[in-house]
Amino acid sequence: MIVIRNTLDFHIDRPTAVCIGKFDGVHIGHKKLLEHITAQKQRGMLACVFTFDPSPEELFSGKKTDCLCDRTQKETYLDELGVDIIIEFPLTFETAATEPEDFVADYLMDRLNMKYIAAGDDLSFGAGGRGNKELIEKLAIQYGFECDIIEKVRVDGEVVSSSRIRKAYELGHNEEASRMLGRTNG
């Protein structure tokens, strides 16, 4: 697995299947997205996770957020799940101000050679988080890439999220947290 970090100067020649997000904990919701991009490997695409360093929440709040796993653990989980490339996009106030259309054209299309994207239905990217599922579907038609919008995974009727898993751990509900992670954390 290739990890590209601390640079905006990257270019992938082979076609890629991409998903975007923090992937904190690499929980069962993340795994559902990853299954979609790794399935594209049969079509000759590289499975690519596009994540941010620091996370948008950390950049805009100025506070370090608690994570379910550290960088090394995340990379190990993603590697085990078949990811070929991780892009740790250096998020600054300047890069965060990139218009959503420019983000897709410049970073995803030109630099990553994206041919497919799997995105959660709460996708948010680009300046002000204005990039969303409707925009990515519109841009898929414009640029000719495939796009699958994936519904959130639920456990006990509630959406699985990293914040919900952290809360479960805080309350001592380790079994519930493990079900959402798809493993015991550690």
Protein backbone atom coordinates (compact mmCIF):
# COMPACT_ATOMS: atom_id res chain seq x y z
CA MET A 1 0.00 0.00 0.00
CA ILE A 2 1.21 3.48 -0.88
CA VAL A 3 0.66 6.38 1.53
CA ILE A 4 1.00 9.91 0.17
CA ARG A 5 1.10 12.64 2.80
CA ASN A 6 2.25 16.22 3.33
CA THR A 7 2.11 17.12 -0.35
CA LEU A 8 -0.27 18.45 -2.97
CA ASP A 9 2.12 17.19 -5.64
CA PHE A 10 0.80 13.72 -6.39
CA HIS A 11 -0.31 12.02 -9.58
CA ILE A 12 -1.61 8.51 -10.13
CA ASP A 13 -1.44 7.22 -13.71
CA ARG A 14 -3.70 4.18 -13.31
CA PRO A 15 -7.47 4.62 -12.94
CA THR A 16 -8.64 4.85 -9.33
CA ALA A 17 -11.76 4.05 -7.33
CA VAL A 18 -11.99 6.61 -4.52
CA CYS A 19 -13.79 7.18 -1.25
CA ILE A 20 -13.41 10.32 0.87
CA GLY A 21 -13.55 10.67 4.64
CA LYS A 22 -11.80 10.61 8.00
CA PHE A 23 -12.03 6.84 8.43
CA ASP A 24 -11.58 7.20 12.18
CA GLY A 25 -11.73 3.70 13.60
CA VAL A 26 -12.41 2.16 10.18
CA HIS A 27 -15.84 1.01 11.39
CA ILE A 28 -18.45 -1.09 9.59
CA GLY A 29 -19.84 1.96 7.78
CA HIS A 30 -16.39 2.70 6.40
CA LYS A 31 -15.97 -0.95 5.47
CA LYS A 32 -19.12 -0.78 3.35
CA LEU A 33 -17.60 2.11 1.34
CA LEU A 34 -14.30 0.26 1.09
CA GLU A 35 -16.03 -2.85 -0.28
CA HIS A 36 -17.36 -0.75 -3.15
CA ILE A 37 -13.96 0.67 -4.11
CA THR A 38 -12.03 -2.58 -3.66
CA ALA A 39 -14.57 -4.34 -5.90
CA GLN A 40 -13.40 -2.00 -8.68
CA LYS A 41 -9.96 -3.62 -8.56
CA GLN A 42 -11.44 -6.38 -10.74
CA ARG A 43 -11.88 -3.70 -13.40
CA GLY A 44 -8.22 -2.63 -13.17
CA MET A 45 -8.68 0.31 -10.79
CA LEU A 46 -6.60 1.06 -7.72
CA ALA A 47 -8.57 1.39 -4.47
CA CYS A 48 -7.83 4.84 -3.03
CA VAL A 49 -8.85 6.40 0.29
CA PHE A 50 -8.74 10.20 0.30
CA THR A 51 -8.52 11.56 3.82
CA PHE A 52 -7.42 14.83 5.42
CA ASP A 53 -4.65 15.84 7.81
CA PRO A 54 -5.71 17.46 10.02
CA SER A 55 -9.40 16.62 9.87
CA PRO A 56 -11.73 19.50 8.92
CA GLU A 57 -13.08 19.52 12.50
CA GLU A 58 -9.59 19.95 13.93
CA LEU A 59 -8.63 22.64 11.42
CA PHE A 60 -11.70 24.79 12.02
CA SER A 61 -12.07 24.25 15.78
CA GLY A 62 -8.33 24.47 16.53
CA LYS A 63 -8.77 21.55 18.92
CA LYS A 64 -7.35 18.05 18.66
CA THR A 65 -10.14 15.48 18.44
CA ASP A 66 -10.08 12.11 20.13
CA CYS A 67 -9.57 9.33 17.61
CA LEU A 68 -10.55 5.68 17.80
CA CYS A 69 -7.25 4.65 16.26
CA ASP A 70 -3.93 6.26 15.49
CA ARG A 71 -2.48 6.76 12.01
CA THR A 72 -0.54 3.46 12.07
CA GLN A 73 -3.60 1.46 13.14
CA LYS A 74 -5.74 3.15 10.48
CA GLU A 75 -3.19 2.36 7.79
CA THR A 76 -3.00 -1.26 8.95
CA TYR A 77 -6.79 -1.66 8.87
CA LEU A 78 -7.05 -0.05 5.42
CA ASP A 79 -4.22 -2.20 4.07
CA GLU A 80 -5.89 -5.35 5.41
CA LEU A 81 -9.14 -4.32 3.71
CA GLY A 82 -7.46 -4.07 0.31
CA VAL A 83 -6.74 -0.35 -0.08
CA ASP A 84 -3.92 0.37 -2.54
CA ILE A 85 -3.38 4.09 -1.91
CA ILE A 86 -4.06 6.48 0.96
CA ILE A 87 -3.93 10.20 0.24
CA GLU A 88 -3.54 12.23 3.44
CA PHE A 89 -4.44 15.57 1.95
CA PRO A 90 -2.74 18.47 3.77
CA LEU A 91 -5.72 20.50 4.90
CA THR A 92 -5.04 24.19 5.49
CA PHE A 93 -7.38 27.18 5.41
CA GLU A 94 -6.22 27.73 1.83
CA THR A 95 -6.80 24.16 0.59
CA ALA A 96 -10.10 24.00 2.52
CA ALA A 97 -11.27 27.04 0.54
CA THR A 98 -11.05 25.12 -2.76
CA GLU A 99 -14.36 25.29 -4.58
CA PRO A 100 -16.03 21.84 -4.66
CA GLU A 101 -16.02 21.71 -8.47
CA ASP A 102 -12.30 22.58 -8.53
CA PHE A 103 -11.57 19.99 -5.82
CA VAL A 104 -13.12 17.26 -7.98
CA ALA A 105 -11.52 18.47 -11.24
CA ASP A 106 -8.03 19.14 -9.87
CA TYR A 107 -7.46 16.63 -7.09
CA LEU A 108 -9.79 13.73 -7.89
CA MET A 109 -9.84 13.76 -11.68
CA ASP A 110 -6.48 15.26 -12.74
CA ARG A 111 -4.22 14.02 -9.94
CA LEU A 112 -5.93 10.78 -8.90
CA ASN A 113 -7.29 9.72 -12.29
CA MET A 114 -10.58 8.88 -10.56
CA LYS A 115 -12.99 6.76 -12.60
CA TYR A 116 -15.26 5.71 -9.73
CA ILE A 117 -16.29 7.15 -6.37
CA ALA A 118 -18.24 5.60 -3.50
CA ALA A 119 -19.58 8.24 -1.14
CA GLY A 120 -21.78 8.33 1.92
CA ASP A 121 -25.08 10.12 1.61
CA ASP A 122 -23.73 12.80 3.97
CA LEU A 123 -20.72 13.58 1.77
CA SER A 124 -19.28 17.05 2.34
CA PHE A 125 -16.23 18.52 0.61
CA GLY A 126 -14.76 21.74 -0.72
CA ALA A 127 -15.22 25.33 0.43
CA GLY A 128 -17.81 25.61 3.17
CA GLY A 129 -18.57 21.90 2.80
CA ARG A 130 -20.74 22.83 -0.19
CA GLY A 131 -19.77 19.73 -2.11
CA ASN A 132 -22.44 17.12 -1.43
CA LYS A 133 -23.99 13.99 -2.92
CA GLU A 134 -26.09 15.99 -5.39
CA LEU A 135 -23.04 17.84 -6.68
CA ILE A 136 -20.89 14.70 -6.97
CA GLU A 137 -23.68 12.98 -8.94
CA LYS A 138 -23.91 16.01 -11.26
CA LEU A 139 -20.12 16.09 -11.72
CA ALA A 140 -20.10 12.33 -12.41
CA ILE A 141 -22.26 12.99 -15.47
CA GLN A 142 -20.17 16.01 -16.49
CA TYR A 143 -16.79 14.26 -16.17
CA GLY A 144 -17.84 10.70 -16.98
CA PHE A 145 -16.90 8.92 -13.76
CA GLU A 146 -19.10 6.42 -11.96
CA CYS A 147 -20.65 7.36 -8.63
CA ASP A 148 -22.38 5.23 -6.00
CA ILE A 149 -24.03 6.97 -3.05
CA ILE A 150 -24.05 4.56 -0.13
CA GLU A 151 -26.65 4.68 2.64
CA LYS A 152 -25.42 4.78 6.21
CA VAL A 153 -25.02 1.48 8.06
CA ARG A 154 -27.22 1.11 11.15
CA VAL A 155 -26.78 -0.91 14.32
CA ASP A 156 -29.76 -1.18 16.68
CA GLY A 157 -31.64 1.22 14.40
CA GLU A 158 -29.10 4.05 14.71
CA VAL A 159 -26.47 5.23 12.22
CA VAL A 160 -22.96 3.96 12.90
CA SER A 161 -20.48 6.80 13.35
CA SER A 162 -17.13 7.33 15.00
CA SER A 163 -18.69 9.75 17.50
CA ARG A 164 -21.34 7.15 18.41
CA ILE A 165 -18.60 4.55 18.95
CA ARG A 166 -16.62 6.96 21.17
CA LYS A 167 -19.79 7.63 23.19
CA ALA A 168 -20.42 3.90 23.59
CA TYR A 169 -16.90 3.47 24.98
CA GLU A 170 -17.41 6.44 27.35
CA LEU A 171 -20.57 4.78 28.69
CA GLY A 172 -18.80 1.43 29.07
CA HIS A 173 -20.83 -0.18 26.28
CA ASN A 174 -17.83 -1.99 24.83
CA GLU A 175 -19.88 -4.74 23.15
CA GLU A 176 -21.96 -2.18 21.28
CA ALA A 177 -18.78 -0.33 20.22
CA SER A 178 -17.22 -3.60 19.03
CA ARG A 179 -20.29 -4.42 16.92
CA MET A 180 -20.04 -1.01 15.23
CA LEU A 181 -16.32 -1.40 14.65
CA GLY A 182 -16.70 -4.97 13.43
CA ARG A 183 -13.92 -6.00 15.83
CA THR A 184 -12.66 -5.35 19.33
CA ASN A 185 -10.67 -2.14 19.31
CA GLY A 186 -7.02 -2.69 19.95
